[in-house]
Amino acid sequence: MNFKLIKSDTIFQGKVFDLQIDEIEYDSGNKGIREVAIHSGGSVIVALTDDYKIVLVNQFRYPFQRFLYELPAGKLEKGEDPQVCALRELKEETGYKAKSIIKLGTIVTTPGFCTERLHIFLAQGLSNGEHNREEGEFGMQIIEITLKEIEDKIKNGDIYDAKTISGIMLAKLHLTKS
């Protein structure tokens, strides 16, 4: 590192993230400001059906004012184990329960200004049940499509959510490694 921290203040505490402003000084003597979104992270689930289809949700995303195709995912509660979060979010958003779940990896979403880490899991042995969506998820739709169909949607720009593209890639690497 070529800087030292001079001062750090949390100027906003929100439901989804906090905003921290850090004053730094470079070794050169120049000063700088870093704005950091402090986020607890989350879990992302690549849910694979017995007929090798992947479960996606199509949900309205307020910042973009449109529906996006995404893997089921959700925010970690304080101190929550990422696997527990993954299973909770899978059930909440899709109604599915999984017999087996394995961790595929972890990604950072926007390391230039945010501390969010997403833990990506592969869930298999799915059984159907009732979802338990939050109020903002009521219009969410579930679709089950093949890996080839997902790849086509990524290529043509219909899927551009980073956690979904990353999760699909990690799952593909895991499933084709043998």
Protein backbone atom coordinates (compact mmCIF):
# COMPACT_ATOMS: atom_id res chain seq x y z
CA MET A 1 0.00 0.00 0.00
CA ASN A 2 1.19 3.47 -0.79
CA PHE A 3 -1.12 5.34 1.57
CA LYS A 4 -2.18 5.61 5.19
CA LEU A 5 -5.66 6.10 6.64
CA ILE A 6 -6.12 9.51 8.24
CA LYS A 7 -9.82 9.42 9.18
CA SER A 8 -12.82 7.11 8.68
CA ASP A 9 -16.46 8.08 9.20
CA THR A 10 -19.69 6.15 8.66
CA ILE A 11 -22.00 8.85 7.32
CA PHE A 12 -25.02 6.67 6.54
CA GLN A 13 -26.38 3.46 8.04
CA GLY A 14 -28.98 1.81 5.86
CA LYS A 15 -30.91 -1.42 5.63
CA VAL A 16 -28.87 -2.78 2.71
CA PHE A 17 -25.50 -1.06 3.16
CA ASP A 18 -23.66 1.60 5.14
CA LEU A 19 -21.60 4.38 3.58
CA GLN A 20 -18.12 5.01 4.91
CA ILE A 21 -15.92 7.95 3.91
CA ASP A 22 -12.18 7.50 4.42
CA GLU A 23 -9.59 10.23 4.20
CA ILE A 24 -6.22 8.87 3.10
CA GLU A 25 -2.76 10.28 2.55
CA TYR A 26 -0.48 8.85 -0.11
CA ASP A 27 3.24 8.37 0.50
CA SER A 28 3.72 11.36 -1.82
CA GLY A 29 1.85 13.59 0.66
CA ASN A 30 -1.20 13.96 -1.60
CA LYS A 31 -4.55 13.39 0.09
CA GLY A 32 -7.51 11.43 -1.21
CA ILE A 33 -11.04 10.40 -0.34
CA ARG A 34 -12.45 6.88 -0.60
CA GLU A 35 -16.20 6.27 -0.48
CA VAL A 36 -16.95 2.70 0.56
CA ALA A 37 -20.32 0.93 0.58
CA ILE A 38 -20.13 -1.51 3.50
CA HIS A 39 -22.27 -4.53 2.63
CA SER A 40 -22.75 -7.77 4.58
CA GLY A 41 -22.61 -9.90 1.43
CA GLY A 42 -24.94 -12.58 0.26
CA SER A 43 -25.46 -16.01 -1.22
CA VAL A 44 -26.27 -17.03 -4.78
CA ILE A 45 -27.76 -20.39 -5.73
CA VAL A 46 -27.33 -22.32 -8.96
CA ALA A 47 -30.27 -24.69 -8.53
CA LEU A 48 -30.03 -27.65 -10.90
CA THR A 49 -33.15 -29.74 -11.52
CA ASP A 50 -33.05 -33.50 -12.07
CA ASP A 51 -33.50 -32.90 -15.82
CA TYR A 52 -30.47 -30.56 -15.83
CA LYS A 53 -32.29 -27.27 -16.06
CA ILE A 54 -31.19 -24.26 -14.05
CA VAL A 55 -33.70 -22.29 -12.01
CA LEU A 56 -33.72 -18.56 -12.69
CA VAL A 57 -35.94 -15.83 -11.35
CA ASN A 58 -37.15 -12.87 -13.36
CA GLN A 59 -37.60 -10.03 -10.93
CA PHE A 60 -38.14 -6.29 -11.03
CA ARG A 61 -35.03 -4.35 -10.03
CA TYR A 62 -35.88 -0.85 -8.86
CA PRO A 63 -32.58 0.89 -9.73
CA PHE A 64 -32.96 -0.20 -13.37
CA GLN A 65 -36.77 0.04 -13.52
CA ARG A 66 -36.98 -3.29 -15.32
CA PHE A 67 -37.13 -7.03 -14.84
CA LEU A 68 -33.83 -8.97 -14.83
CA TYR A 69 -33.11 -12.67 -15.19
CA GLU A 70 -31.06 -13.78 -12.20
CA LEU A 71 -30.06 -16.76 -10.13
CA PRO A 72 -31.88 -16.86 -6.78
CA ALA A 73 -29.89 -14.88 -4.24
CA GLY A 74 -30.16 -12.93 -1.05
CA LYS A 75 -28.42 -10.82 1.55
CA LEU A 76 -26.68 -12.39 4.52
CA GLU A 77 -28.17 -11.59 7.89
CA LYS A 78 -25.67 -10.44 10.52
CA GLY A 79 -23.50 -13.42 11.47
CA GLU A 80 -25.42 -15.80 9.17
CA ASP A 81 -23.64 -18.75 7.59
CA PRO A 82 -23.64 -18.29 3.77
CA GLN A 83 -24.93 -21.86 3.19
CA VAL A 84 -27.86 -21.27 5.55
CA CYS A 85 -28.60 -18.07 3.64
CA ALA A 86 -28.45 -19.92 0.31
CA LEU A 87 -30.95 -22.56 1.43
CA ARG A 88 -33.23 -19.91 2.94
CA GLU A 89 -33.20 -17.79 -0.22
CA LEU A 90 -33.75 -20.81 -2.50
CA LYS A 91 -36.89 -21.74 -0.53
CA GLU A 92 -38.05 -18.14 -0.13
CA GLU A 93 -37.77 -17.19 -3.80
CA THR A 94 -38.53 -20.47 -5.61
CA GLY A 95 -40.14 -22.84 -3.13
CA TYR A 96 -37.43 -25.42 -3.79
CA LYS A 97 -35.56 -27.35 -1.10
CA ALA A 98 -32.25 -29.05 -1.91
CA LYS A 99 -30.95 -32.47 -0.83
CA SER A 100 -27.36 -31.42 -1.50
CA ILE A 101 -25.56 -28.11 -1.65
CA ILE A 102 -21.91 -27.37 -2.26
CA LYS A 103 -19.98 -24.13 -2.37
CA LEU A 104 -18.61 -23.26 -5.79
CA GLY A 105 -16.73 -20.11 -4.82
CA THR A 106 -16.91 -16.49 -3.77
CA ILE A 107 -16.90 -13.34 -5.88
CA VAL A 108 -16.60 -9.64 -5.12
CA THR A 109 -19.09 -7.60 -7.07
CA THR A 110 -17.70 -4.08 -7.25
CA PRO A 111 -14.32 -4.00 -5.48
CA GLY A 112 -13.67 -0.38 -6.42
CA PHE A 113 -16.17 0.92 -3.87
CA CYS A 114 -18.10 -1.90 -2.18
CA THR A 115 -17.22 -4.66 0.33
CA GLU A 116 -19.93 -7.06 -0.93
CA ARG A 117 -18.83 -10.70 -1.26
CA LEU A 118 -21.20 -13.21 -2.79
CA HIS A 119 -20.92 -16.90 -1.93
CA ILE A 120 -22.05 -19.09 -4.82
CA PHE A 121 -23.56 -22.53 -4.24
CA LEU A 122 -24.73 -25.42 -6.40
CA ALA A 123 -27.98 -26.98 -5.14
CA GLN A 124 -29.17 -30.36 -6.42
CA GLY A 125 -31.78 -32.95 -5.52
CA LEU A 126 -34.51 -30.32 -5.62
CA SER A 127 -38.00 -30.88 -4.28
CA ASN A 128 -40.85 -28.48 -4.89
CA GLY A 129 -42.64 -26.57 -2.16
CA GLU A 130 -44.21 -23.22 -1.41
CA HIS A 131 -42.17 -20.04 -1.78
CA ASN A 132 -42.19 -17.37 0.93
CA ARG A 133 -41.40 -14.17 -0.93
CA GLU A 134 -40.89 -10.77 0.60
CA GLU A 135 -43.24 -7.97 -0.41
CA GLY A 136 -40.85 -6.58 -3.05
CA GLU A 137 -40.60 -10.03 -4.70
CA PHE A 138 -44.32 -10.63 -5.33
CA GLY A 139 -44.07 -10.16 -9.12
CA MET A 140 -41.12 -12.52 -9.41
CA GLN A 141 -41.40 -15.32 -11.97
CA ILE A 142 -39.51 -18.61 -11.94
CA ILE A 143 -38.14 -20.14 -15.13
CA GLU A 144 -36.22 -23.35 -15.63
CA ILE A 145 -33.96 -23.42 -18.68
CA THR A 146 -31.00 -25.34 -20.00
CA LEU A 147 -27.40 -24.20 -19.77
CA LYS A 148 -27.38 -23.70 -23.55
CA GLU A 149 -30.45 -21.43 -23.32
CA ILE A 150 -28.77 -19.44 -20.53
CA GLU A 151 -25.59 -19.09 -22.57
CA ASP A 152 -27.64 -17.82 -25.51
CA LYS A 153 -29.36 -15.28 -23.24
CA ILE A 154 -25.96 -14.12 -21.97
CA LYS A 155 -24.63 -13.81 -25.55
CA ASN A 156 -27.62 -11.78 -26.76
CA GLY A 157 -27.70 -9.52 -23.68
CA ASP A 158 -30.90 -10.81 -22.09
CA ILE A 159 -28.91 -11.91 -19.03
CA TYR A 160 -26.37 -9.34 -17.87
CA ASP A 161 -26.48 -9.69 -14.09
CA ALA A 162 -22.87 -10.26 -12.96
CA LYS A 163 -23.62 -12.71 -10.13
CA THR A 164 -25.68 -14.83 -12.51
CA ILE A 165 -23.01 -14.93 -15.19
CA SER A 166 -20.36 -15.72 -12.55
CA GLY A 167 -22.51 -18.39 -10.92
CA ILE A 168 -23.24 -20.07 -14.24
CA MET A 169 -19.55 -20.10 -15.12
CA LEU A 170 -18.54 -21.59 -11.75
CA ALA A 171 -21.26 -24.24 -12.04
CA LYS A 172 -20.21 -25.11 -15.59
CA LEU A 173 -16.58 -25.47 -14.50
CA HIS A 174 -17.62 -27.69 -11.59
CA LEU A 175 -19.98 -29.87 -13.60
CA THR A 176 -17.58 -30.40 -16.51
CA LYS A 177 -14.36 -30.98 -14.55
CA SER A 178 -14.57 -34.77 -14.70
